[in-house]
N, C-alpha and C. Protein backbone atom coordinates (compact mmCIF):
# COMPACT_ATOMS: atom_id res chain seq x y z
N MET A 1 93.22 -38.36 -64.37
CA MET A 1 92.65 -37.09 -63.98
C MET A 1 91.37 -36.81 -64.76
N LYS A 2 91.48 -37.05 -66.09
CA LYS A 2 90.30 -36.85 -66.92
C LYS A 2 89.19 -37.81 -66.49
N ARG A 3 89.59 -39.00 -66.15
CA ARG A 3 88.64 -40.02 -65.72
C ARG A 3 87.96 -39.58 -64.42
N THR A 4 88.67 -38.99 -63.51
CA THR A 4 88.13 -38.52 -62.24
C THR A 4 87.10 -37.42 -62.48
N LYS A 5 87.40 -36.50 -63.39
CA LYS A 5 86.45 -35.44 -63.72
C LYS A 5 85.19 -36.02 -64.34
N GLU A 6 85.31 -37.01 -65.18
CA GLU A 6 84.15 -37.64 -65.79
C GLU A 6 83.30 -38.33 -64.73
N ILE A 7 83.95 -38.99 -63.80
CA ILE A 7 83.22 -39.66 -62.70
C ILE A 7 82.50 -38.62 -61.85
N GLN A 8 83.21 -37.53 -61.52
CA GLN A 8 82.58 -36.47 -60.71
C GLN A 8 81.40 -35.85 -61.47
N GLY A 9 81.55 -35.64 -62.76
CA GLY A 9 80.47 -35.09 -63.57
C GLY A 9 79.27 -36.03 -63.59
N ALA A 10 79.55 -37.31 -63.74
CA ALA A 10 78.46 -38.31 -63.76
C ALA A 10 77.78 -38.37 -62.40
N GLU A 11 78.55 -38.30 -61.32
CA GLU A 11 77.98 -38.32 -59.97
C GLU A 11 77.10 -37.09 -59.75
N GLU A 12 77.57 -35.95 -60.25
CA GLU A 12 76.81 -34.72 -60.10
C GLU A 12 75.49 -34.81 -60.87
N ILE A 13 75.55 -35.33 -62.09
CA ILE A 13 74.33 -35.50 -62.89
C ILE A 13 73.38 -36.46 -62.19
N LEU A 14 73.92 -37.56 -61.69
CA LEU A 14 73.11 -38.55 -60.98
C LEU A 14 72.49 -37.95 -59.72
N GLU A 15 73.25 -37.19 -58.99
CA GLU A 15 72.77 -36.54 -57.77
C GLU A 15 71.64 -35.55 -58.08
N ASN A 16 71.83 -34.77 -59.14
CA ASN A 16 70.78 -33.81 -59.55
C ASN A 16 69.51 -34.54 -59.98
N ARG A 17 69.67 -35.62 -60.68
CA ARG A 17 68.52 -36.41 -61.13
C ARG A 17 67.77 -37.00 -59.93
N ILE A 18 68.50 -37.50 -58.95
CA ILE A 18 67.88 -38.05 -57.73
C ILE A 18 67.10 -36.94 -56.99
N LYS A 19 67.67 -35.75 -56.90
CA LYS A 19 66.99 -34.62 -56.24
C LYS A 19 65.72 -34.25 -56.99
N GLN A 20 65.79 -34.27 -58.31
CA GLN A 20 64.63 -33.95 -59.13
C GLN A 20 63.52 -35.00 -58.93
N ILE A 21 63.89 -36.25 -58.88
CA ILE A 21 62.92 -37.33 -58.64
C ILE A 21 62.28 -37.16 -57.27
N GLN A 22 63.08 -36.82 -56.26
CA GLN A 22 62.55 -36.61 -54.91
C GLN A 22 61.58 -35.42 -54.88
N ARG A 23 61.94 -34.31 -55.57
CA ARG A 23 61.04 -33.14 -55.62
C ARG A 23 59.73 -33.51 -56.30
N ASN A 24 59.80 -34.29 -57.38
CA ASN A 24 58.59 -34.72 -58.08
C ASN A 24 57.72 -35.59 -57.18
N ARG A 25 58.34 -36.49 -56.43
CA ARG A 25 57.59 -37.33 -55.49
C ARG A 25 56.92 -36.49 -54.41
N GLU A 26 57.66 -35.53 -53.87
CA GLU A 26 57.10 -34.65 -52.83
C GLU A 26 55.93 -33.85 -53.39
N TRP A 27 56.09 -33.36 -54.63
CA TRP A 27 55.03 -32.58 -55.24
C TRP A 27 53.78 -33.45 -55.46
N ARG A 28 53.98 -34.67 -55.98
CA ARG A 28 52.86 -35.58 -56.19
C ARG A 28 52.20 -35.95 -54.87
N ARG A 29 53.01 -36.17 -53.84
CA ARG A 29 52.46 -36.51 -52.53
C ARG A 29 51.64 -35.34 -51.99
N SER A 30 52.14 -34.12 -52.11
CA SER A 30 51.40 -32.93 -51.65
C SER A 30 50.09 -32.78 -52.43
N LEU A 31 50.15 -33.00 -53.72
CA LEU A 31 48.95 -32.92 -54.54
C LEU A 31 47.93 -33.97 -54.12
N LEU A 32 48.38 -35.19 -53.89
CA LEU A 32 47.50 -36.26 -53.43
C LEU A 32 46.88 -35.93 -52.08
N GLU A 33 47.68 -35.41 -51.15
CA GLU A 33 47.16 -35.01 -49.84
C GLU A 33 46.11 -33.92 -49.98
N MET A 34 46.35 -32.96 -50.87
CA MET A 34 45.39 -31.88 -51.09
C MET A 34 44.09 -32.42 -51.67
N VAL A 35 44.17 -33.33 -52.61
CA VAL A 35 42.97 -33.92 -53.21
C VAL A 35 42.19 -34.70 -52.14
N ILE A 36 42.88 -35.47 -51.33
CA ILE A 36 42.22 -36.23 -50.26
C ILE A 36 41.57 -35.27 -49.26
N PHE A 37 42.27 -34.21 -48.90
CA PHE A 37 41.72 -33.21 -47.97
C PHE A 37 40.47 -32.58 -48.54
N LEU A 38 40.52 -32.14 -49.79
CA LEU A 38 39.36 -31.50 -50.42
C LEU A 38 38.19 -32.48 -50.54
N ALA A 39 38.47 -33.73 -50.86
CA ALA A 39 37.40 -34.74 -50.95
C ALA A 39 36.77 -34.95 -49.57
N ALA A 40 37.59 -34.99 -48.52
CA ALA A 40 37.06 -35.17 -47.16
C ALA A 40 36.20 -33.97 -46.76
N VAL A 41 36.65 -32.77 -47.06
CA VAL A 41 35.87 -31.56 -46.74
C VAL A 41 34.54 -31.59 -47.49
N TYR A 42 34.59 -31.95 -48.77
CA TYR A 42 33.36 -32.03 -49.56
C TYR A 42 32.39 -33.04 -48.95
N ILE A 43 32.87 -34.21 -48.63
CA ILE A 43 32.01 -35.26 -48.07
C ILE A 43 31.42 -34.81 -46.74
N ILE A 44 32.25 -34.23 -45.88
CA ILE A 44 31.78 -33.78 -44.57
C ILE A 44 30.70 -32.72 -44.72
N PHE A 45 30.96 -31.71 -45.59
CA PHE A 45 30.00 -30.61 -45.71
C PHE A 45 28.83 -30.93 -46.64
N HIS A 46 28.90 -32.00 -47.38
CA HIS A 46 27.77 -32.37 -48.23
C HIS A 46 26.85 -33.38 -47.53
N TYR A 47 27.41 -34.24 -46.70
CA TYR A 47 26.62 -35.32 -46.10
C TYR A 47 26.49 -35.24 -44.58
N VAL A 48 27.42 -34.59 -43.89
CA VAL A 48 27.41 -34.61 -42.43
C VAL A 48 27.07 -33.25 -41.84
N LEU A 49 27.76 -32.21 -42.26
CA LEU A 49 27.56 -30.87 -41.73
C LEU A 49 27.08 -29.95 -42.84
N GLY A 50 26.51 -28.83 -42.45
CA GLY A 50 26.10 -27.82 -43.41
C GLY A 50 26.25 -26.45 -42.81
N ILE A 51 26.26 -25.47 -43.68
CA ILE A 51 26.34 -24.07 -43.26
C ILE A 51 25.12 -23.35 -43.82
N ALA A 52 24.51 -22.52 -42.98
CA ALA A 52 23.34 -21.75 -43.40
C ALA A 52 23.45 -20.35 -42.81
N PHE A 53 22.71 -19.44 -43.39
CA PHE A 53 22.65 -18.06 -42.90
C PHE A 53 21.24 -17.79 -42.40
N VAL A 54 21.14 -17.03 -41.31
CA VAL A 54 19.84 -16.64 -40.79
C VAL A 54 19.31 -15.50 -41.65
N ARG A 55 18.09 -15.67 -42.12
CA ARG A 55 17.42 -14.61 -42.88
C ARG A 55 16.12 -14.30 -42.16
N GLY A 56 15.91 -13.05 -41.88
CA GLY A 56 14.69 -12.64 -41.20
C GLY A 56 14.88 -12.51 -39.70
N ARG A 57 13.78 -12.16 -39.02
CA ARG A 57 13.84 -11.88 -37.58
C ARG A 57 13.06 -12.87 -36.75
N SER A 58 12.68 -14.00 -37.33
CA SER A 58 11.77 -14.92 -36.63
C SER A 58 12.41 -15.65 -35.45
N MET A 59 13.74 -15.63 -35.35
CA MET A 59 14.39 -16.32 -34.24
C MET A 59 15.07 -15.36 -33.25
N LEU A 60 14.74 -14.06 -33.35
CA LEU A 60 15.27 -13.11 -32.38
C LEU A 60 14.72 -13.45 -31.00
N PRO A 61 15.43 -13.31 -29.94
CA PRO A 61 16.77 -12.76 -29.81
C PRO A 61 17.89 -13.80 -29.93
N ALA A 62 17.53 -15.09 -30.02
CA ALA A 62 18.55 -16.14 -30.04
C ALA A 62 19.44 -16.05 -31.27
N LEU A 63 18.84 -15.81 -32.43
CA LEU A 63 19.59 -15.73 -33.69
C LEU A 63 19.24 -14.43 -34.40
N LYS A 64 20.29 -13.75 -34.86
CA LYS A 64 20.08 -12.49 -35.57
C LYS A 64 20.23 -12.69 -37.07
N GLU A 65 19.59 -11.83 -37.82
CA GLU A 65 19.69 -11.90 -39.27
C GLU A 65 21.16 -11.77 -39.69
N GLY A 66 21.60 -12.65 -40.59
CA GLY A 66 22.97 -12.62 -41.10
C GLY A 66 23.93 -13.52 -40.36
N GLU A 67 23.51 -14.11 -39.24
CA GLU A 67 24.39 -15.02 -38.51
C GLU A 67 24.64 -16.28 -39.33
N ILE A 68 25.82 -16.85 -39.15
CA ILE A 68 26.17 -18.10 -39.81
C ILE A 68 25.88 -19.24 -38.85
N LEU A 69 25.21 -20.28 -39.36
CA LEU A 69 24.88 -21.46 -38.56
C LEU A 69 25.63 -22.67 -39.09
N LEU A 70 26.11 -23.49 -38.19
CA LEU A 70 26.68 -24.79 -38.56
C LEU A 70 25.67 -25.83 -38.09
N PHE A 71 25.22 -26.68 -39.02
CA PHE A 71 24.22 -27.67 -38.64
C PHE A 71 24.67 -29.08 -38.99
N TYR A 72 24.10 -30.04 -38.24
CA TYR A 72 24.42 -31.46 -38.37
C TYR A 72 23.28 -32.15 -39.10
N ARG A 73 23.59 -32.80 -40.21
CA ARG A 73 22.58 -33.39 -41.08
C ARG A 73 22.09 -34.78 -40.67
N LEU A 74 22.85 -35.51 -39.86
CA LEU A 74 22.58 -36.92 -39.66
C LEU A 74 21.64 -37.25 -38.50
N ASP A 75 21.22 -36.24 -37.72
CA ASP A 75 20.28 -36.50 -36.62
C ASP A 75 18.96 -37.02 -37.18
N GLN A 76 18.34 -37.91 -36.45
CA GLN A 76 17.02 -38.41 -36.81
C GLN A 76 16.02 -38.22 -35.67
N GLN A 77 16.52 -37.89 -34.49
CA GLN A 77 15.64 -37.66 -33.35
C GLN A 77 15.88 -36.25 -32.84
N TYR A 78 14.78 -35.54 -32.64
CA TYR A 78 14.87 -34.16 -32.20
C TYR A 78 14.08 -34.01 -30.90
N HIS A 79 14.48 -33.03 -30.12
CA HIS A 79 13.87 -32.82 -28.82
C HIS A 79 13.40 -31.38 -28.70
N SER A 80 12.48 -31.17 -27.80
CA SER A 80 11.99 -29.83 -27.55
C SER A 80 13.16 -28.91 -27.21
N GLY A 81 13.23 -27.77 -27.86
CA GLY A 81 14.31 -26.82 -27.65
C GLY A 81 15.37 -26.85 -28.74
N ASP A 82 15.45 -27.95 -29.51
CA ASP A 82 16.42 -28.02 -30.61
C ASP A 82 16.07 -26.98 -31.67
N ILE A 83 17.09 -26.36 -32.24
CA ILE A 83 16.89 -25.43 -33.35
C ILE A 83 17.25 -26.18 -34.62
N LEU A 84 16.32 -26.13 -35.59
CA LEU A 84 16.47 -26.92 -36.81
C LEU A 84 16.44 -26.05 -38.06
N ILE A 85 17.03 -26.57 -39.12
CA ILE A 85 16.89 -26.00 -40.45
C ILE A 85 15.82 -26.87 -41.14
N ILE A 86 14.78 -26.24 -41.65
CA ILE A 86 13.66 -26.97 -42.24
C ILE A 86 13.49 -26.53 -43.69
N HIS A 87 13.40 -27.50 -44.58
CA HIS A 87 13.22 -27.23 -46.00
C HIS A 87 11.73 -27.37 -46.34
N MET A 88 11.14 -26.27 -46.79
CA MET A 88 9.72 -26.28 -47.12
C MET A 88 9.52 -26.59 -48.60
N ALA A 89 8.31 -27.02 -48.94
CA ALA A 89 7.98 -27.45 -50.30
C ALA A 89 8.24 -26.36 -51.33
N GLU A 90 8.01 -25.09 -50.98
CA GLU A 90 8.20 -24.01 -51.95
C GLU A 90 9.67 -23.66 -52.16
N GLY A 91 10.56 -24.42 -51.50
CA GLY A 91 11.99 -24.24 -51.71
C GLY A 91 12.68 -23.34 -50.69
N THR A 92 11.94 -22.78 -49.76
CA THR A 92 12.55 -21.92 -48.75
C THR A 92 13.05 -22.75 -47.58
N GLU A 93 14.03 -22.22 -46.89
CA GLU A 93 14.58 -22.85 -45.69
C GLU A 93 14.17 -21.99 -44.50
N TYR A 94 13.69 -22.63 -43.45
CA TYR A 94 13.33 -21.94 -42.21
C TYR A 94 14.24 -22.42 -41.09
N VAL A 95 14.51 -21.52 -40.16
CA VAL A 95 15.21 -21.86 -38.92
C VAL A 95 14.17 -21.73 -37.82
N LYS A 96 13.85 -22.84 -37.15
CA LYS A 96 12.80 -22.85 -36.13
C LYS A 96 13.21 -23.72 -34.95
N ARG A 97 12.51 -23.52 -33.84
CA ARG A 97 12.78 -24.29 -32.62
C ARG A 97 11.69 -25.36 -32.44
N VAL A 98 12.12 -26.57 -32.09
CA VAL A 98 11.18 -27.66 -31.82
C VAL A 98 10.46 -27.37 -30.51
N VAL A 99 9.14 -27.46 -30.56
CA VAL A 99 8.31 -27.26 -29.38
C VAL A 99 7.72 -28.58 -28.92
N ALA A 100 7.35 -29.42 -29.89
CA ALA A 100 6.73 -30.71 -29.55
C ALA A 100 7.11 -31.75 -30.59
N VAL A 101 7.14 -32.99 -30.16
CA VAL A 101 7.52 -34.11 -31.03
C VAL A 101 6.36 -35.10 -31.11
N GLU A 102 6.56 -36.15 -31.88
CA GLU A 102 5.56 -37.18 -32.11
C GLU A 102 4.84 -37.60 -30.83
N GLY A 103 3.49 -37.57 -30.87
CA GLY A 103 2.69 -38.00 -29.72
C GLY A 103 2.35 -36.88 -28.74
N ASP A 104 3.06 -35.75 -28.80
CA ASP A 104 2.77 -34.62 -27.90
C ASP A 104 1.50 -33.91 -28.36
N VAL A 105 0.81 -33.30 -27.40
CA VAL A 105 -0.36 -32.48 -27.70
C VAL A 105 -0.01 -31.03 -27.40
N VAL A 106 -0.16 -30.19 -28.42
CA VAL A 106 0.19 -28.77 -28.31
C VAL A 106 -1.09 -27.96 -28.24
N ASP A 107 -1.09 -26.98 -27.34
CA ASP A 107 -2.21 -26.04 -27.26
C ASP A 107 -1.63 -24.65 -27.02
N ILE A 108 -2.35 -23.65 -27.48
CA ILE A 108 -1.96 -22.26 -27.25
C ILE A 108 -3.14 -21.58 -26.58
N GLU A 109 -2.92 -21.09 -25.36
CA GLU A 109 -3.97 -20.39 -24.63
C GLU A 109 -4.03 -18.96 -25.13
N GLU A 110 -5.11 -18.60 -25.77
CA GLU A 110 -5.25 -17.25 -26.32
C GLU A 110 -5.27 -16.19 -25.22
N GLU A 111 -5.88 -16.51 -24.08
CA GLU A 111 -6.01 -15.53 -22.99
C GLU A 111 -4.65 -15.17 -22.39
N THR A 112 -3.79 -16.17 -22.19
CA THR A 112 -2.50 -15.94 -21.52
C THR A 112 -1.33 -15.84 -22.48
N GLY A 113 -1.50 -16.32 -23.71
CA GLY A 113 -0.40 -16.31 -24.66
C GLY A 113 0.65 -17.36 -24.35
N LYS A 114 0.27 -18.39 -23.61
CA LYS A 114 1.20 -19.45 -23.23
C LYS A 114 1.05 -20.66 -24.15
N VAL A 115 2.16 -21.37 -24.35
CA VAL A 115 2.16 -22.61 -25.11
C VAL A 115 2.13 -23.75 -24.11
N LEU A 116 1.22 -24.69 -24.33
CA LEU A 116 1.13 -25.86 -23.48
C LEU A 116 1.48 -27.10 -24.30
N VAL A 117 2.32 -27.95 -23.73
CA VAL A 117 2.65 -29.23 -24.34
C VAL A 117 2.27 -30.30 -23.34
N ASN A 118 1.36 -31.17 -23.75
CA ASN A 118 0.83 -32.23 -22.88
C ASN A 118 0.24 -31.66 -21.60
N GLY A 119 -0.42 -30.49 -21.72
CA GLY A 119 -1.11 -29.87 -20.59
C GLY A 119 -0.23 -29.03 -19.68
N LYS A 120 1.08 -28.99 -19.93
CA LYS A 120 2.00 -28.22 -19.09
C LYS A 120 2.50 -27.01 -19.86
N VAL A 121 2.59 -25.88 -19.13
CA VAL A 121 3.11 -24.66 -19.76
C VAL A 121 4.57 -24.87 -20.12
N LEU A 122 4.90 -24.56 -21.35
CA LEU A 122 6.26 -24.72 -21.86
C LEU A 122 7.12 -23.58 -21.33
N GLU A 123 8.24 -23.92 -20.69
CA GLU A 123 9.18 -22.90 -20.21
C GLU A 123 10.02 -22.44 -21.38
N GLU A 124 9.90 -21.17 -21.73
CA GLU A 124 10.61 -20.63 -22.89
C GLU A 124 11.30 -19.31 -22.52
N PRO A 125 12.45 -19.38 -21.87
CA PRO A 125 13.13 -18.15 -21.47
C PRO A 125 13.64 -17.33 -22.65
N TYR A 126 13.68 -17.91 -23.84
CA TYR A 126 14.17 -17.24 -25.04
C TYR A 126 13.07 -16.48 -25.77
N VAL A 127 11.82 -16.54 -25.27
CA VAL A 127 10.69 -15.86 -25.90
C VAL A 127 10.28 -14.69 -25.02
N TYR A 128 10.17 -13.50 -25.64
CA TYR A 128 9.84 -12.29 -24.87
C TYR A 128 8.43 -11.79 -25.10
N ALA A 129 7.68 -12.42 -25.98
CA ALA A 129 6.31 -11.98 -26.25
C ALA A 129 5.35 -13.15 -26.07
N GLU A 130 4.08 -12.81 -26.01
CA GLU A 130 3.06 -13.86 -25.91
C GLU A 130 2.94 -14.60 -27.24
N THR A 131 2.45 -15.82 -27.16
CA THR A 131 2.22 -16.63 -28.35
C THR A 131 0.73 -16.65 -28.64
N HIS A 132 0.38 -16.37 -29.86
CA HIS A 132 -1.02 -16.39 -30.26
C HIS A 132 -1.18 -17.29 -31.48
N ARG A 133 -2.36 -17.84 -31.60
CA ARG A 133 -2.67 -18.63 -32.80
C ARG A 133 -2.64 -17.66 -33.97
N SER A 134 -1.98 -18.04 -35.05
CA SER A 134 -1.81 -17.07 -36.14
C SER A 134 -2.77 -17.27 -37.31
N SER A 135 -3.44 -18.39 -37.39
CA SER A 135 -4.36 -18.59 -38.51
C SER A 135 -5.42 -19.62 -38.14
N ASP A 136 -6.41 -19.71 -38.99
CA ASP A 136 -7.46 -20.70 -38.79
C ASP A 136 -7.12 -22.01 -39.49
N LYS A 137 -5.94 -22.10 -40.11
CA LYS A 137 -5.54 -23.31 -40.83
C LYS A 137 -5.21 -24.45 -39.88
N VAL A 138 -4.78 -24.11 -38.66
CA VAL A 138 -4.38 -25.11 -37.68
C VAL A 138 -5.31 -25.01 -36.48
N SER A 139 -5.90 -26.14 -36.07
CA SER A 139 -6.80 -26.17 -34.92
C SER A 139 -6.06 -26.67 -33.69
N PHE A 140 -6.35 -26.06 -32.56
CA PHE A 140 -5.74 -26.45 -31.29
C PHE A 140 -6.82 -26.93 -30.35
N PRO A 141 -6.50 -27.87 -29.45
CA PRO A 141 -5.22 -28.56 -29.29
C PRO A 141 -4.92 -29.45 -30.50
N LEU A 142 -3.63 -29.65 -30.73
CA LEU A 142 -3.15 -30.38 -31.89
C LEU A 142 -2.22 -31.50 -31.44
N GLU A 143 -2.51 -32.72 -31.87
CA GLU A 143 -1.62 -33.84 -31.56
C GLU A 143 -0.61 -33.98 -32.69
N VAL A 144 0.68 -34.04 -32.32
CA VAL A 144 1.75 -34.18 -33.30
C VAL A 144 1.76 -35.63 -33.78
N GLY A 145 1.65 -35.81 -35.09
CA GLY A 145 1.55 -37.14 -35.67
C GLY A 145 2.88 -37.87 -35.76
N ALA A 146 2.80 -39.12 -36.17
CA ALA A 146 4.00 -39.95 -36.33
C ALA A 146 4.91 -39.35 -37.40
N GLY A 147 6.20 -39.26 -37.09
CA GLY A 147 7.17 -38.72 -38.03
C GLY A 147 7.06 -37.23 -38.24
N GLU A 148 6.51 -36.52 -37.25
CA GLU A 148 6.34 -35.07 -37.37
C GLU A 148 6.85 -34.36 -36.13
N ILE A 149 7.03 -33.05 -36.27
CA ILE A 149 7.38 -32.17 -35.15
C ILE A 149 6.58 -30.88 -35.28
N PHE A 150 6.42 -30.18 -34.17
CA PHE A 150 5.76 -28.88 -34.15
C PHE A 150 6.83 -27.86 -33.83
N VAL A 151 6.97 -26.84 -34.69
CA VAL A 151 8.05 -25.86 -34.53
C VAL A 151 7.49 -24.45 -34.45
N LEU A 152 8.21 -23.61 -33.70
CA LEU A 152 7.86 -22.19 -33.59
C LEU A 152 9.14 -21.37 -33.68
N GLY A 153 8.99 -20.15 -34.18
CA GLY A 153 10.09 -19.20 -34.12
C GLY A 153 10.09 -18.54 -32.75
N ASP A 154 11.23 -18.06 -32.30
CA ASP A 154 11.31 -17.42 -30.99
C ASP A 154 10.62 -16.05 -30.97
N ASN A 155 10.66 -15.34 -32.08
CA ASN A 155 10.02 -14.04 -32.21
C ASN A 155 8.62 -14.28 -32.75
N ARG A 156 7.72 -14.68 -31.87
CA ARG A 156 6.40 -15.18 -32.25
C ARG A 156 5.55 -14.16 -33.01
N GLU A 157 5.82 -12.87 -32.81
CA GLU A 157 5.00 -11.85 -33.47
C GLU A 157 5.21 -11.81 -34.98
N VAL A 158 6.38 -12.23 -35.46
CA VAL A 158 6.67 -12.17 -36.90
C VAL A 158 6.95 -13.53 -37.52
N SER A 159 6.98 -14.57 -36.72
CA SER A 159 7.39 -15.89 -37.21
C SER A 159 6.30 -16.59 -38.00
N ARG A 160 6.70 -17.16 -39.11
CA ARG A 160 5.85 -18.06 -39.89
C ARG A 160 6.27 -19.46 -39.48
N ASP A 161 5.36 -20.22 -38.84
CA ASP A 161 5.75 -21.49 -38.25
C ASP A 161 4.57 -22.46 -38.22
N SER A 162 4.64 -23.47 -37.36
CA SER A 162 3.61 -24.51 -37.31
C SER A 162 2.22 -23.98 -36.94
N ARG A 163 2.13 -22.80 -36.39
CA ARG A 163 0.81 -22.21 -36.13
C ARG A 163 0.11 -21.90 -37.45
N GLU A 164 0.90 -21.70 -38.50
CA GLU A 164 0.35 -21.38 -39.82
C GLU A 164 0.33 -22.58 -40.76
N PHE A 165 1.43 -23.35 -40.81
CA PHE A 165 1.50 -24.45 -41.78
C PHE A 165 1.40 -25.83 -41.15
N GLY A 166 1.14 -25.92 -39.86
CA GLY A 166 0.96 -27.21 -39.20
C GLY A 166 2.27 -27.91 -38.88
N CYS A 167 2.15 -29.15 -38.53
CA CYS A 167 3.33 -29.94 -38.16
C CYS A 167 4.23 -30.14 -39.37
N VAL A 168 5.51 -30.33 -39.09
CA VAL A 168 6.52 -30.51 -40.13
C VAL A 168 6.96 -31.97 -40.13
N SER A 169 7.04 -32.55 -41.31
CA SER A 169 7.51 -33.92 -41.44
C SER A 169 9.02 -33.98 -41.17
N LEU A 170 9.46 -35.04 -40.52
CA LEU A 170 10.89 -35.19 -40.26
C LEU A 170 11.70 -35.24 -41.55
N SER A 171 11.08 -35.64 -42.65
CA SER A 171 11.79 -35.67 -43.93
C SER A 171 12.11 -34.27 -44.44
N GLN A 172 11.46 -33.25 -43.89
CA GLN A 172 11.73 -31.87 -44.28
C GLN A 172 12.88 -31.25 -43.49
N VAL A 173 13.34 -31.92 -42.46
CA VAL A 173 14.42 -31.37 -41.62
C VAL A 173 15.75 -31.58 -42.32
N THR A 174 16.44 -30.47 -42.54
CA THR A 174 17.76 -30.52 -43.17
C THR A 174 18.83 -30.83 -42.13
N GLY A 175 18.66 -30.31 -40.91
CA GLY A 175 19.63 -30.59 -39.87
C GLY A 175 19.36 -29.82 -38.60
N ARG A 176 20.11 -30.20 -37.54
CA ARG A 176 20.01 -29.55 -36.23
C ARG A 176 21.18 -28.59 -36.07
N VAL A 177 20.89 -27.37 -35.66
CA VAL A 177 21.93 -26.35 -35.50
C VAL A 177 22.84 -26.74 -34.34
N LEU A 178 24.15 -26.79 -34.65
CA LEU A 178 25.15 -27.11 -33.62
C LEU A 178 25.68 -25.84 -32.98
N LEU A 179 25.97 -24.84 -33.81
CA LEU A 179 26.47 -23.58 -33.27
C LEU A 179 26.20 -22.46 -34.24
N HIS A 180 26.24 -21.25 -33.69
CA HIS A 180 26.06 -20.05 -34.52
C HIS A 180 27.12 -19.04 -34.14
N THR A 181 27.35 -18.09 -35.03
CA THR A 181 28.46 -17.14 -34.83
C THR A 181 28.24 -16.21 -33.67
N GLY A 182 26.99 -15.88 -33.36
CA GLY A 182 26.73 -14.96 -32.27
C GLY A 182 26.70 -13.51 -32.73
N TYR A 183 27.12 -13.23 -33.94
CA TYR A 183 27.03 -11.89 -34.50
C TYR A 183 26.75 -11.99 -35.99
N ALA A 184 26.09 -10.95 -36.48
CA ALA A 184 25.64 -10.98 -37.88
C ALA A 184 26.70 -10.41 -38.81
N PHE A 185 26.72 -10.93 -40.01
CA PHE A 185 27.62 -10.43 -41.05
C PHE A 185 26.87 -9.51 -41.98
């Protein structure tokens, strides 16, 4: 009888020890999964995707101040109409729309306020005002050079863009906007 109680006690101790080992394994596995998840999120948001906030009114009405943007960092080719995040030399980030790419010729008709790309009026349903040349720093017509793009803000009356600082090097592009929240925070 005493022997049976000792065996039962030993079995109970062994059973508790096995449960403790299993809990430790589950905890370690959960910790490892969390570390892998966090590393994957870091890699994705550091090298593939990015998050930015709209500051200013230069992209109205398409983008409002305070909206959150999700952008893709790995694109290397951009097309007219793409919205990009651009990193300028002074450290500021701009959100602008591609109007022309390498080899295109851009002109702005002062009389009509229209943008012409390769001699054709650019269809811009997202722009509600006329476009005017904003400075004497950029001469029109302008041919977009190799590895460059010409960008404009949608709210042309307040936008600081390629009319002022010229074409943007592709190396300055941080990424292409994939989606935006649609409302400001």
